[in-house]
PDB file of N, CA and C in Angstrom:
ATOM      1  N   MET A   1     -25.614   5.272  -4.864  1.00  0.00           N
ATOM      2  CA  MET A   1     -24.563   5.440  -3.875  1.00  0.00           C
ATOM      3  C   MET A   1     -23.710   4.173  -3.859  1.00  0.00           C
ATOM      4  N   SER A   2     -22.415   4.329  -3.864  1.00  0.00           N
ATOM      5  CA  SER A   2     -21.547   3.148  -3.895  1.00  0.00           C
ATOM      6  C   SER A   2     -20.852   2.955  -2.562  1.00  0.00           C
ATOM      7  N   ASN A   3     -20.509   1.732  -2.298  1.00  0.00           N
ATOM      8  CA  ASN A   3     -19.785   1.384  -1.080  1.00  0.00           C
ATOM      9  C   ASN A   3     -18.305   1.343  -1.403  1.00  0.00           C
ATOM     10  N   GLN A   4     -17.520   2.175  -0.780  1.00  0.00           N
ATOM     11  CA  GLN A   4     -16.074   2.149  -0.954  1.00  0.00           C
ATOM     12  C   GLN A   4     -15.424   2.267   0.403  1.00  0.00           C
ATOM     13  N   SER A   5     -14.188   1.833   0.461  1.00  0.00           N
ATOM     14  CA  SER A   5     -13.409   1.991   1.679  1.00  0.00           C
ATOM     15  C   SER A   5     -11.958   2.150   1.294  1.00  0.00           C
ATOM     16  N   ARG A   6     -11.172   2.577   2.246  1.00  0.00           N
ATOM     17  CA  ARG A   6      -9.744   2.788   1.994  1.00  0.00           C
ATOM     18  C   ARG A   6      -8.955   1.924   2.953  1.00  0.00           C
ATOM     19  N   LEU A   7      -7.998   1.198   2.399  1.00  0.00           N
ATOM     20  CA  LEU A   7      -7.159   0.265   3.150  1.00  0.00           C
ATOM     21  C   LEU A   7      -5.764   0.866   3.275  1.00  0.00           C
ATOM     22  N   PHE A   8      -5.218   0.908   4.485  1.00  0.00           N
ATOM     23  CA  PHE A   8      -3.878   1.447   4.734  1.00  0.00           C
ATOM     24  C   PHE A   8      -2.960   0.313   5.168  1.00  0.00           C
ATOM     25  N   LEU A   9      -1.786   0.225   4.527  1.00  0.00           N
ATOM     26  CA  LEU A   9      -0.821  -0.831   4.827  1.00  0.00           C
ATOM     27  C   LEU A   9       0.357  -0.284   5.629  1.00  0.00           C
ATOM     28  N   SER A  10       1.070  -1.187   6.273  1.00  0.00           N
ATOM     29  CA  SER A  10       2.197  -0.803   7.130  1.00  0.00           C
ATOM     30  C   SER A  10       3.348  -0.181   6.344  1.00  0.00           C
ATOM     31  N   ASN A  11       3.405  -0.388   5.021  1.00  0.00           N
ATOM     32  CA  ASN A  11       4.479   0.200   4.213  1.00  0.00           C
ATOM     33  C   ASN A  11       4.137   1.610   3.725  1.00  0.00           C
ATOM     34  N   GLY A  12       2.988   2.143   4.165  1.00  0.00           N
ATOM     35  CA  GLY A  12       2.605   3.491   3.801  1.00  0.00           C
ATOM     36  C   GLY A  12       1.668   3.590   2.614  1.00  0.00           C
ATOM     37  N   LYS A  13       1.455   2.508   1.904  1.00  0.00           N
ATOM     38  CA  LYS A  13       0.545   2.531   0.760  1.00  0.00           C
ATOM     39  C   LYS A  13      -0.896   2.484   1.247  1.00  0.00           C
ATOM     40  N   SER A  14      -1.782   3.035   0.419  1.00  0.00           N
ATOM     41  CA  SER A  14      -3.209   2.926   0.696  1.00  0.00           C
ATOM     42  C   SER A  14      -3.927   2.653  -0.611  1.00  0.00           C
ATOM     43  N   TYR A  15      -5.058   1.977  -0.518  1.00  0.00           N
ATOM     44  CA  TYR A  15      -5.831   1.594  -1.683  1.00  0.00           C
ATOM     45  C   TYR A  15      -7.303   1.892  -1.458  1.00  0.00           C
ATOM     46  N   THR A  16      -7.978   2.387  -2.499  1.00  0.00           N
ATOM     47  CA  THR A  16      -9.421   2.551  -2.461  1.00  0.00           C
ATOM     48  C   THR A  16     -10.036   1.264  -2.983  1.00  0.00           C
ATOM     49  N   LEU A  17     -10.927   0.691  -2.193  1.00  0.00           N
ATOM     50  CA  LEU A  17     -11.518  -0.606  -2.519  1.00  0.00           C
ATOM     51  C   LEU A  17     -13.006  -0.474  -2.790  1.00  0.00           C
ATOM     52  N   LYS A  18     -13.534  -1.419  -3.578  1.00  0.00           N
ATOM     53  CA  LYS A  18     -14.957  -1.425  -3.911  1.00  0.00           C
ATOM     54  C   LYS A  18     -15.819  -1.887  -2.745  1.00  0.00           C
ATOM     55  N   ASP A  19     -15.299  -2.706  -1.874  1.00  0.00           N
ATOM     56  CA  ASP A  19     -16.087  -3.324  -0.812  1.00  0.00           C
ATOM     57  C   ASP A  19     -16.235  -2.421   0.405  1.00  0.00           C
ATOM     58  N   SER A  20     -17.234  -2.747   1.214  1.00  0.00           N
ATOM     59  CA  SER A  20     -17.445  -2.001   2.460  1.00  0.00           C
ATOM     60  C   SER A  20     -16.362  -2.371   3.460  1.00  0.00           C
ATOM     61  N   ALA A  21     -16.148  -1.485   4.405  1.00  0.00           N
ATOM     62  CA  ALA A  21     -15.141  -1.734   5.448  1.00  0.00           C
ATOM     63  C   ALA A  21     -15.488  -2.997   6.233  1.00  0.00           C
ATOM     64  N   ASP A  22     -16.783  -3.205   6.513  1.00  0.00           N
ATOM     65  CA  ASP A  22     -17.202  -4.391   7.276  1.00  0.00           C
ATOM     66  C   ASP A  22     -16.838  -5.686   6.565  1.00  0.00           C
ATOM     67  N   SER A  23     -17.086  -5.753   5.242  1.00  0.00           N
ATOM     68  CA  SER A  23     -16.774  -6.987   4.520  1.00  0.00           C
ATOM     69  C   SER A  23     -15.263  -7.213   4.423  1.00  0.00           C
ATOM     70  N   ILE A  24     -14.498  -6.126   4.329  1.00  0.00           N
ATOM     71  CA  ILE A  24     -13.036  -6.256   4.275  1.00  0.00           C
ATOM     72  C   ILE A  24     -12.505  -6.744   5.620  1.00  0.00           C
ATOM     73  N   VAL A  25     -13.005  -6.165   6.700  1.00  0.00           N
ATOM     74  CA  VAL A  25     -12.573  -6.594   8.038  1.00  0.00           C
ATOM     75  C   VAL A  25     -12.882  -8.070   8.244  1.00  0.00           C
ATOM     76  N   LYS A  26     -14.072  -8.491   7.858  1.00  0.00           N
ATOM     77  CA  LYS A  26     -14.442  -9.895   8.029  1.00  0.00           C
ATOM     78  C   LYS A  26     -13.514 -10.803   7.218  1.00  0.00           C
ATOM     79  N   GLY A  27     -13.284 -10.456   5.963  1.00  0.00           N
ATOM     80  CA  GLY A  27     -12.413 -11.267   5.107  1.00  0.00           C
ATOM     81  C   GLY A  27     -10.987 -11.338   5.615  1.00  0.00           C
ATOM     82  N   LEU A  28     -10.453 -10.206   6.059  1.00  0.00           N
ATOM     83  CA  LEU A  28      -9.082 -10.189   6.574  1.00  0.00           C
ATOM     84  C   LEU A  28      -8.990 -10.924   7.906  1.00  0.00           C
ATOM     85  N   SER A  29     -10.003 -10.808   8.729  1.00  0.00           N
ATOM     86  CA  SER A  29     -10.010 -11.517  10.012  1.00  0.00           C
ATOM     87  C   SER A  29     -10.026 -13.024   9.792  1.00  0.00           C
ATOM     88  N   ASP A  30     -10.795 -13.470   8.809  1.00  0.00           N
ATOM     89  CA  ASP A  30     -10.852 -14.897   8.490  1.00  0.00           C
ATOM     90  C   ASP A  30      -9.502 -15.390   7.988  1.00  0.00           C
ATOM     91  N   SER A  31      -8.806 -14.570   7.177  1.00  0.00           N
ATOM     92  CA  SER A  31      -7.520 -15.011   6.644  1.00  0.00           C
ATOM     93  C   SER A  31      -6.458 -15.054   7.740  1.00  0.00           C
ATOM     94  N   LYS A  32      -6.565 -14.194   8.756  1.00  0.00           N
ATOM     95  CA  LYS A  32      -5.608 -14.229   9.867  1.00  0.00           C
ATOM     96  C   LYS A  32      -5.731 -15.522  10.659  1.00  0.00           C
ATOM     97  N   LYS A  33      -6.929 -16.069  10.729  1.00  0.00           N
ATOM     98  CA  LYS A  33      -7.152 -17.293  11.481  1.00  0.00           C
ATOM     99  C   LYS A  33      -6.541 -18.504  10.785  1.00  0.00           C
ATOM    100  N   GLU A  34      -6.446 -18.435   9.451  1.00  0.00           N
ATOM    101  CA  GLU A  34      -6.007 -19.595   8.684  1.00  0.00           C
ATOM    102  C   GLU A  34      -4.486 -19.732   8.628  1.00  0.00           C
ATOM    103  N   ASP A  35      -3.796 -18.673   8.200  1.00  0.00           N
ATOM    104  CA  ASP A  35      -2.349 -18.765   8.004  1.00  0.00           C
ATOM    105  C   ASP A  35      -1.794 -17.358   7.839  1.00  0.00           C
ATOM    106  N   GLU A  36      -0.733 -17.026   8.562  1.00  0.00           N
ATOM    107  CA  GLU A  36      -0.207 -15.669   8.509  1.00  0.00           C
ATOM    108  C   GLU A  36       0.388 -15.303   7.155  1.00  0.00           C
ATOM    109  N   LEU A  37       0.715 -16.265   6.319  1.00  0.00           N
ATOM    110  CA  LEU A  37       1.298 -15.965   5.018  1.00  0.00           C
ATOM    111  C   LEU A  37       0.263 -15.952   3.901  1.00  0.00           C
ATOM    112  N   GLN A  38      -0.976 -16.213   4.219  1.00  0.00           N
ATOM    113  CA  GLN A  38      -2.024 -16.251   3.202  1.00  0.00           C
ATOM    114  C   GLN A  38      -2.300 -14.855   2.672  1.00  0.00           C
ATOM    115  N   MET A  39      -2.367 -14.747   1.362  1.00  0.00           N
ATOM    116  CA  MET A  39      -2.681 -13.484   0.725  1.00  0.00           C
ATOM    117  C   MET A  39      -4.191 -13.405   0.518  1.00  0.00           C
ATOM    118  N   HIS A  40      -4.741 -12.224   0.695  1.00  0.00           N
ATOM    119  CA  HIS A  40      -6.170 -12.010   0.561  1.00  0.00           C
ATOM    120  C   HIS A  40      -6.409 -11.113  -0.648  1.00  0.00           C
ATOM    121  N   GLN A  41      -7.250 -11.558  -1.582  1.00  0.00           N
ATOM    122  CA  GLN A  41      -7.529 -10.780  -2.783  1.00  0.00           C
ATOM    123  C   GLN A  41      -8.647  -9.775  -2.506  1.00  0.00           C
ATOM    124  N   LEU A  42      -8.370  -8.511  -2.860  1.00  0.00           N
ATOM    125  CA  LEU A  42      -9.349  -7.445  -2.721  1.00  0.00           C
ATOM    126  C   LEU A  42      -9.491  -6.755  -4.072  1.00  0.00           C
ATOM    127  N   THR A  43     -10.636  -6.112  -4.300  1.00  0.00           N
ATOM    128  CA  THR A  43     -10.889  -5.433  -5.567  1.00  0.00           C
ATOM    129  C   THR A  43     -10.800  -3.928  -5.378  1.00  0.00           C
ATOM    130  N   LEU A  44      -9.915  -3.316  -6.158  1.00  0.00           N
ATOM    131  CA  LEU A  44      -9.754  -1.866  -6.126  1.00  0.00           C
ATOM    132  C   LEU A  44     -10.960  -1.182  -6.759  1.00  0.00           C
ATOM    133  N   SER A  45     -11.121   0.092  -6.512  1.00  0.00           N
ATOM    134  CA  SER A  45     -12.252   0.835  -7.061  1.00  0.00           C
ATOM    135  C   SER A  45     -12.233   0.873  -8.588  1.00  0.00           C
ATOM    136  N   ASN A  46     -11.054   0.699  -9.194  1.00  0.00           N
ATOM    137  CA  ASN A  46     -10.956   0.690 -10.655  1.00  0.00           C
ATOM    138  C   ASN A  46     -11.163  -0.709 -11.244  1.00  0.00           C
ATOM    139  N   GLY A  47     -11.474  -1.699 -10.398  1.00  0.00           N
ATOM    140  CA  GLY A  47     -11.751  -3.051 -10.866  1.00  0.00           C
ATOM    141  C   GLY A  47     -10.556  -3.983 -10.835  1.00  0.00           C
ATOM    142  N   GLN A  48      -9.364  -3.473 -10.656  1.00  0.00           N
ATOM    143  CA  GLN A  48      -8.173  -4.318 -10.592  1.00  0.00           C
ATOM    144  C   GLN A  48      -8.103  -5.016  -9.237  1.00  0.00           C
ATOM    145  N   SER A  49      -7.351  -6.106  -9.189  1.00  0.00           N
ATOM    146  CA  SER A  49      -7.179  -6.846  -7.938  1.00  0.00           C
ATOM    147  C   SER A  49      -5.869  -6.469  -7.272  1.00  0.00           C
ATOM    148  N   VAL A  50      -5.881  -6.532  -5.952  1.00  0.00           N
ATOM    149  CA  VAL A  50      -4.670  -6.356  -5.160  1.00  0.00           C
ATOM    150  C   VAL A  50      -4.687  -7.462  -4.120  1.00  0.00           C
ATOM    151  N   TYR A  51      -3.518  -8.018  -3.839  1.00  0.00           N
ATOM    152  CA  TYR A  51      -3.399  -9.078  -2.842  1.00  0.00           C
ATOM    153  C   TYR A  51      -2.640  -8.523  -1.644  1.00  0.00           C
ATOM    154  N   VAL A  52      -3.187  -8.704  -0.457  1.00  0.00           N
ATOM    155  CA  VAL A  52      -2.533  -8.195   0.744  1.00  0.00           C
ATOM    156  C   VAL A  52      -2.465  -9.286   1.803  1.00  0.00           C
ATOM    157  N   ASN A  53      -1.437  -9.198   2.626  1.00  0.00           N
ATOM    158  CA  ASN A  53      -1.322 -10.051   3.799  1.00  0.00           C
ATOM    159  C   ASN A  53      -2.022  -9.305   4.922  1.00  0.00           C
ATOM    160  N   ALA A  54      -2.957  -9.960   5.582  1.00  0.00           N
ATOM    161  CA  ALA A  54      -3.769  -9.310   6.609  1.00  0.00           C
ATOM    162  C   ALA A  54      -2.927  -8.706   7.729  1.00  0.00           C
ATOM    163  N   TYR A  55      -1.755  -9.249   7.983  1.00  0.00           N
ATOM    164  CA  TYR A  55      -0.907  -8.730   9.056  1.00  0.00           C
ATOM    165  C   TYR A  55      -0.272  -7.385   8.720  1.00  0.00           C
ATOM    166  N   HIS A  56      -0.359  -6.953   7.461  1.00  0.00           N
ATOM    167  CA  HIS A  56       0.228  -5.678   7.047  1.00  0.00           C
ATOM    168  C   HIS A  56      -0.788  -4.554   6.990  1.00  0.00           C
ATOM    169  N   VAL A  57      -2.048  -4.856   7.267  1.00  0.00           N
ATOM    170  CA  VAL A  57      -3.097  -3.836   7.265  1.00  0.00           C
ATOM    171  C   VAL A  57      -3.097  -3.126   8.612  1.00  0.00           C
ATOM    172  N   ILE A  58      -3.026  -1.797   8.580  1.00  0.00           N
ATOM    173  CA  ILE A  58      -3.020  -1.052   9.840  1.00  0.00           C
ATOM    174  C   ILE A  58      -4.318  -0.292  10.071  1.00  0.00           C
ATOM    175  N   ALA A  59      -5.065  -0.007   9.004  1.00  0.00           N
ATOM    176  CA  ALA A  59      -6.329   0.710   9.175  1.00  0.00           C
ATOM    177  C   ALA A  59      -7.214   0.518   7.957  1.00  0.00           C
ATOM    178  N   ILE A  60      -8.522   0.616   8.189  1.00  0.00           N
ATOM    179  CA  ILE A  60      -9.506   0.593   7.115  1.00  0.00           C
ATOM    180  C   ILE A  60     -10.463   1.747   7.372  1.00  0.00           C
ATOM    181  N   GLU A  61     -10.590   2.616   6.380  1.00  0.00           N
ATOM    182  CA  GLU A  61     -11.458   3.790   6.488  1.00  0.00           C
ATOM    183  C   GLU A  61     -12.752   3.505   5.732  1.00  0.00           C
ATOM    184  N   ALA A  62     -13.864   3.612   6.413  1.00  0.00           N
ATOM    185  CA  ALA A  62     -15.159   3.388   5.769  1.00  0.00           C
ATOM    186  C   ALA A  62     -15.543   4.615   4.975  1.00  0.00           C
ATOM    187  N   GLY A  63     -16.120   4.393   3.815  1.00  0.00           N
ATOM    188  CA  GLY A  63     -16.604   5.487   2.994  1.00  0.00           C
ATOM    189  C   GLY A  63     -17.795   5.011   2.205  1.00  0.00           C
ATOM    190  N   ASP A  64     -18.849   5.769   2.223  1.00  0.00           N
ATOM    191  CA  ASP A  64     -20.053   5.400   1.496  1.00  0.00           C
ATOM    192  C   ASP A  64     -20.453   6.608   0.678  1.00  0.00           C
ATOM    193  N   THR A  65     -20.003   6.624  -0.579  1.00  0.00           N
ATOM    194  CA  THR A  65     -20.211   7.820  -1.381  1.00  0.00           C
ATOM    195  C   THR A  65     -20.311   7.483  -2.851  1.00  0.00           C
ATOM    196  N   ASP A  66     -20.984   8.318  -3.586  1.00  0.00           N
ATOM    197  CA  ASP A  66     -20.969   8.226  -5.046  1.00  0.00           C
ATOM    198  C   ASP A  66     -20.233   9.428  -5.624  1.00  0.00           C
ATOM    199  N   ASP A  67     -19.586  10.197  -4.770  1.00  0.00           N
ATOM    200  CA  ASP A  67     -18.834  11.381  -5.159  1.00  0.00           C
ATOM    201  C   ASP A  67     -17.516  10.952  -5.794  1.00  0.00           C
ATOM    202  N   ALA A  68     -17.259  11.381  -7.027  1.00  0.00           N
ATOM    203  CA  ALA A  68     -16.034  10.998  -7.739  1.00  0.00           C
ATOM    204  C   ALA A  68     -14.784  11.498  -7.034  1.00  0.00           C
ATOM    205  N   SER A  69     -14.903  12.557  -6.232  1.00  0.00           N
ATOM    206  CA  SER A  69     -13.723  13.090  -5.544  1.00  0.00           C
ATOM    207  C   SER A  69     -13.183  12.104  -4.519  1.00  0.00           C
ATOM    208  N   TYR A  70     -14.045  11.237  -3.964  1.00  0.00           N
ATOM    209  CA  TYR A  70     -13.559  10.242  -3.001  1.00  0.00           C
ATOM    210  C   TYR A  70     -12.551   9.330  -3.675  1.00  0.00           C
ATOM    211  N   ASP A  71     -12.895   8.873  -4.873  1.00  0.00           N
ATOM    212  CA  ASP A  71     -11.997   7.971  -5.580  1.00  0.00           C
ATOM    213  C   ASP A  71     -10.715   8.680  -5.999  1.00  0.00           C
ATOM    214  N   SER A  72     -10.810   9.908  -6.503  1.00  0.00           N
ATOM    215  CA  SER A  72      -9.606  10.592  -6.958  1.00  0.00           C
ATOM    216  C   SER A  72      -8.732  11.013  -5.786  1.00  0.00           C
ATOM    217  N   ASP A  73      -9.349  11.349  -4.657  1.00  0.00           N
ATOM    218  CA  ASP A  73      -8.568  11.751  -3.485  1.00  0.00           C
ATOM    219  C   ASP A  73      -8.006  10.551  -2.737  1.00  0.00           C
ATOM    220  N   HIS A  74      -8.581   9.391  -2.944  1.00  0.00           N
ATOM    221  CA  HIS A  74      -8.222   8.212  -2.171  1.00  0.00           C
ATOM    222  C   HIS A  74      -7.799   7.048  -3.063  1.00  0.00           C
ATOM    223  N   SER A  75      -7.154   7.324  -4.164  1.00  0.00           N
ATOM    224  CA  SER A  75      -6.700   6.248  -5.043  1.00  0.00           C
ATOM    225  C   SER A  75      -5.418   5.638  -4.481  1.00  0.00           C
ATOM    226  N   ALA A  76      -4.935   4.569  -5.114  1.00  0.00           N
ATOM    227  CA  ALA A  76      -3.706   3.936  -4.656  1.00  0.00           C
ATOM    228  C   ALA A  76      -2.602   4.978  -4.621  1.00  0.00           C
ATOM    229  N   THR A  77      -1.832   5.015  -3.552  1.00  0.00           N
ATOM    230  CA  THR A  77      -0.867   6.082  -3.356  1.00  0.00           C
ATOM    231  C   THR A  77       0.428   5.880  -4.129  1.00  0.00           C
ATOM    232  N   ASP A  78       0.659   4.706  -4.645  1.00  0.00           N
ATOM    233  CA  ASP A  78       1.916   4.449  -5.341  1.00  0.00           C
ATOM    234  C   ASP A  78       1.605   3.821  -6.688  1.00  0.00           C
ATOM    235  N   ASN A  79       1.498   4.649  -7.724  1.00  0.00           N
ATOM    236  CA  ASN A  79       1.097   4.169  -9.036  1.00  0.00           C
ATOM    237  C   ASN A  79       2.278   3.900  -9.959  1.00  0.00           C
ATOM    238  N   ARG A  80       3.502   4.077  -9.486  1.00  0.00           N
ATOM    239  CA  ARG A  80       4.660   3.830 -10.330  1.00  0.00           C
ATOM    240  C   ARG A  80       4.790   2.345 -10.629  1.00  0.00           C
ATOM    241  N   SER A  81       5.409   2.034 -11.764  1.00  0.00           N
ATOM    242  CA  SER A  81       5.648   0.636 -12.109  1.00  0.00           C
ATOM    243  C   SER A  81       6.710   0.069 -11.162  1.00  0.00           C
ATOM    244  N   GLU A  82       6.710  -1.233 -11.015  1.00  0.00           N
ATOM    245  CA  GLU A  82       7.696  -1.878 -10.146  1.00  0.00           C
ATOM    246  C   GLU A  82       9.120  -1.563 -10.603  1.00  0.00           C
ATOM    247  N   GLU A  83       9.337  -1.548 -11.913  1.00  0.00           N
ATOM    248  CA  GLU A  83      10.671  -1.262 -12.449  1.00  0.00           C
ATOM    249  C   GLU A  83      11.092   0.166 -12.106  1.00  0.00           C
ATOM    250  N   SER A  84      10.175   1.097 -12.218  1.00  0.00           N
ATOM    251  CA  SER A  84      10.473   2.490 -11.903  1.00  0.00           C
ATOM    252  C   SER A  84      10.794   2.657 -10.420  1.00  0.00           C
ATOM    253  N   LYS A  85      10.017   1.989  -9.551  1.00  0.00           N
ATOM    254  CA  LYS A  85      10.265   2.079  -8.115  1.00  0.00           C
ATOM    255  C   LYS A  85      11.621   1.475  -7.767  1.00  0.00           C
ATOM    256  N   GLU A  86      11.948   0.336  -8.393  1.00  0.00           N
ATOM    257  CA  GLU A  86      13.217  -0.321  -8.104  1.00  0.00           C
ATOM    258  C   GLU A  86      14.389   0.539  -8.571  1.00  0.00           C
ATOM    259  N   HIS A  87      14.254   1.136  -9.748  1.00  0.00           N
ATOM    260  CA  HIS A  87      15.317   1.988 -10.274  1.00  0.00           C
ATOM    261  C   HIS A  87      15.525   3.203  -9.364  1.00  0.00           C
ATOM    262  N   SER A  88      14.446   3.802  -8.920  1.00  0.00           N
ATOM    263  CA  SER A  88      14.534   4.951  -8.018  1.00  0.00           C
ATOM    264  C   SER A  88      15.203   4.555  -6.708  1.00  0.00           C
ATOM    265  N   HIS A  89      14.836   3.395  -6.198  1.00  0.00           N
ATOM    266  CA  HIS A  89      15.412   2.913  -4.941  1.00  0.00           C
ATOM    267  C   HIS A  89      16.911   2.655  -5.105  1.00  0.00           C
ATOM    268  N   GLU A  90      17.309   2.093  -6.245  1.00  0.00           N
ATOM    269  CA  GLU A  90      18.733   1.841  -6.508  1.00  0.00           C
ATOM    270  C   GLU A  90      19.505   3.154  -6.553  1.00  0.00           C
ATOM    271  N   LYS A  91      18.958   4.159  -7.219  1.00  0.00           N
ATOM    272  CA  LYS A  91      19.629   5.465  -7.311  1.00  0.00           C
ATOM    273  C   LYS A  91      19.802   6.074  -5.925  1.00  0.00           C
ATOM    274  N   GLU A  92      18.785   5.965  -5.082  1.00  0.00           N
ATOM    275  CA  GLU A  92      18.874   6.502  -3.722  1.00  0.00           C
ATOM    276  C   GLU A  92      19.947   5.775  -2.923  1.00  0.00           C
ATOM    277  N   ASN A  93      20.031   4.453  -3.082  1.00  0.00           N
ATOM    278  CA  ASN A  93      21.034   3.673  -2.365  1.00  0.00           C
ATOM    279  C   ASN A  93      22.447   4.032  -2.809  1.00  0.00           C
ATOM    280  N   VAL A  94      22.648   4.212  -4.114  1.00  0.00           N
ATOM    281  CA  VAL A  94      23.969   4.576  -4.631  1.00  0.00           C
ATOM    282  C   VAL A  94      24.377   5.952  -4.105  1.00  0.00           C
ATOM    283  N   ALA A  95      23.448   6.890  -4.123  1.00  0.00           N
ATOM    284  CA  ALA A  95      23.743   8.237  -3.612  1.00  0.00           C
ATOM    285  C   ALA A  95      24.099   8.189  -2.126  1.00  0.00           C
ATOM    286  N   ALA A  96      23.376   7.410  -1.356  1.00  0.00           N
ATOM    287  CA  ALA A  96      23.658   7.293   0.075  1.00  0.00           C
ATOM    288  C   ALA A  96      25.012   6.635   0.311  1.00  0.00           C
ATOM    289  N   ALA A  97      25.344   5.621  -0.490  1.00  0.00           N
ATOM    290  CA  ALA A  97      26.634   4.945  -0.345  1.00  0.00           C
ATOM    291  C   ALA A  97      27.784   5.901  -0.685  1.00  0.00           C
ATOM    292  N   LYS A  98      27.614   6.702  -1.734  1.00  0.00           N
ATOM    293  CA  LYS A  98      28.645   7.671  -2.106  1.00  0.00           C
ATOM    294  C   LYS A  98      28.844   8.705  -1.000  1.00  0.00           C
ATOM    295  N   GLN A  99      27.745   9.182  -0.432  1.00  0.00           N
ATOM    296  CA  GLN A  99      27.825  10.155   0.650  1.00  0.00           C
ATOM    297  C   GLN A  99      28.526   9.552   1.861  1.00  0.00           C
ATOM    298  N   PHE A 100      28.215   8.306   2.168  1.00  0.00           N
ATOM    299  CA  PHE A 100      28.839   7.616   3.290  1.00  0.00           C
ATOM    300  C   PHE A 100      30.344   7.477   3.060  1.00  0.00           C
ATOM    301  N   LYS A 101      30.730   7.122   1.823  1.00  0.00           N
ATOM    302  CA  LYS A 101      32.155   6.979   1.490  1.00  0.00           C
ATOM    303  C   LYS A 101      32.864   8.321   1.645  1.00  0.00           C
ATOM    304  N   GLU A 102      32.248   9.409   1.176  1.00  0.00           N
ATOM    305  CA  GLU A 102      32.854  10.734   1.309  1.00  0.00           C
ATOM    306  C   GLU A 102      33.010  11.099   2.788  1.00  0.00           C
ATOM    307  N   ASP A 103      31.998  10.821   3.585  1.00  0.00           N
ATOM    308  CA  ASP A 103      32.075  11.108   5.022  1.00  0.00           C
ATOM    309  C   ASP A 103      33.171  10.281   5.678  1.00  0.00           C
ATOM    310  N   LEU A 104      33.258   9.026   5.299  1.00  0.00           N
ATOM    311  CA  LEU A 104      34.267   8.138   5.873  1.00  0.00           C
ATOM    312  C   LEU A 104      35.674   8.569   5.466  1.00  0.00           C
ATOM    313  N   ASP A 105      35.856   8.929   4.180  1.00  0.00           N
ATOM    314  CA  ASP A 105      37.166   9.388   3.706  1.00  0.00           C
ATOM    315  C   ASP A 105      37.581  10.667   4.417  1.00  0.00           C
ATOM    316  N   GLY A 106      36.624  11.551   4.679  1.00  0.00           N
ATOM    317  CA  GLY A 106      36.934  12.796   5.384  1.00  0.00           C
ATOM    318  C   GLY A 106      37.381  12.558   6.807  1.00  0.00           C
ATOM    319  N   ASN A 107      36.888  11.504   7.432  1.00  0.00           N
ATOM    320  CA  ASN A 107      37.248  11.197   8.811  1.00  0.00           C
ATOM    321  C   ASN A 107      38.560  10.419   8.910  1.00  0.00           C
ATOM    322  N   MET A 108      39.048   9.910   7.805  1.00  0.00           N
ATOM    323  CA  MET A 108      40.270   9.125   7.812  1.00  0.00           C
ATOM    324  C   MET A 108      41.514  10.002   7.746  1.00  0.00           C
ATOM    325  N   ASP A 109      41.378  11.277   7.395  1.00  0.00           N
ATOM    326  CA  ASP A 109      42.534  12.181   7.261  1.00  0.00           C
ATOM    327  C   ASP A 109      43.122  12.568   8.565  1.00  0.00           C
TER     328      ASP A 109
END
């Protein structure tokens, strides 16, 4: 049986972690006492590291399972590359700006 937990951040992302919820809470609580800008390293269920600021954590879900479905159902919610996310965000901003310009031009008549 493995110890896993799920970490939820204020930006909507969530991560499945190898550590128990208790150890994560303790580690994040300790980092909050030291400095609000300190990043805390955590280990994802796939072995990769993720760094989080303790002030951005909104919830930690405890899970104690060896069921593979826990990991697949609770993996990191945003697996796109940074470049892909940035490109998508730029496209959304351009579309919104164009729509705003069309709305503004329509009101100027």
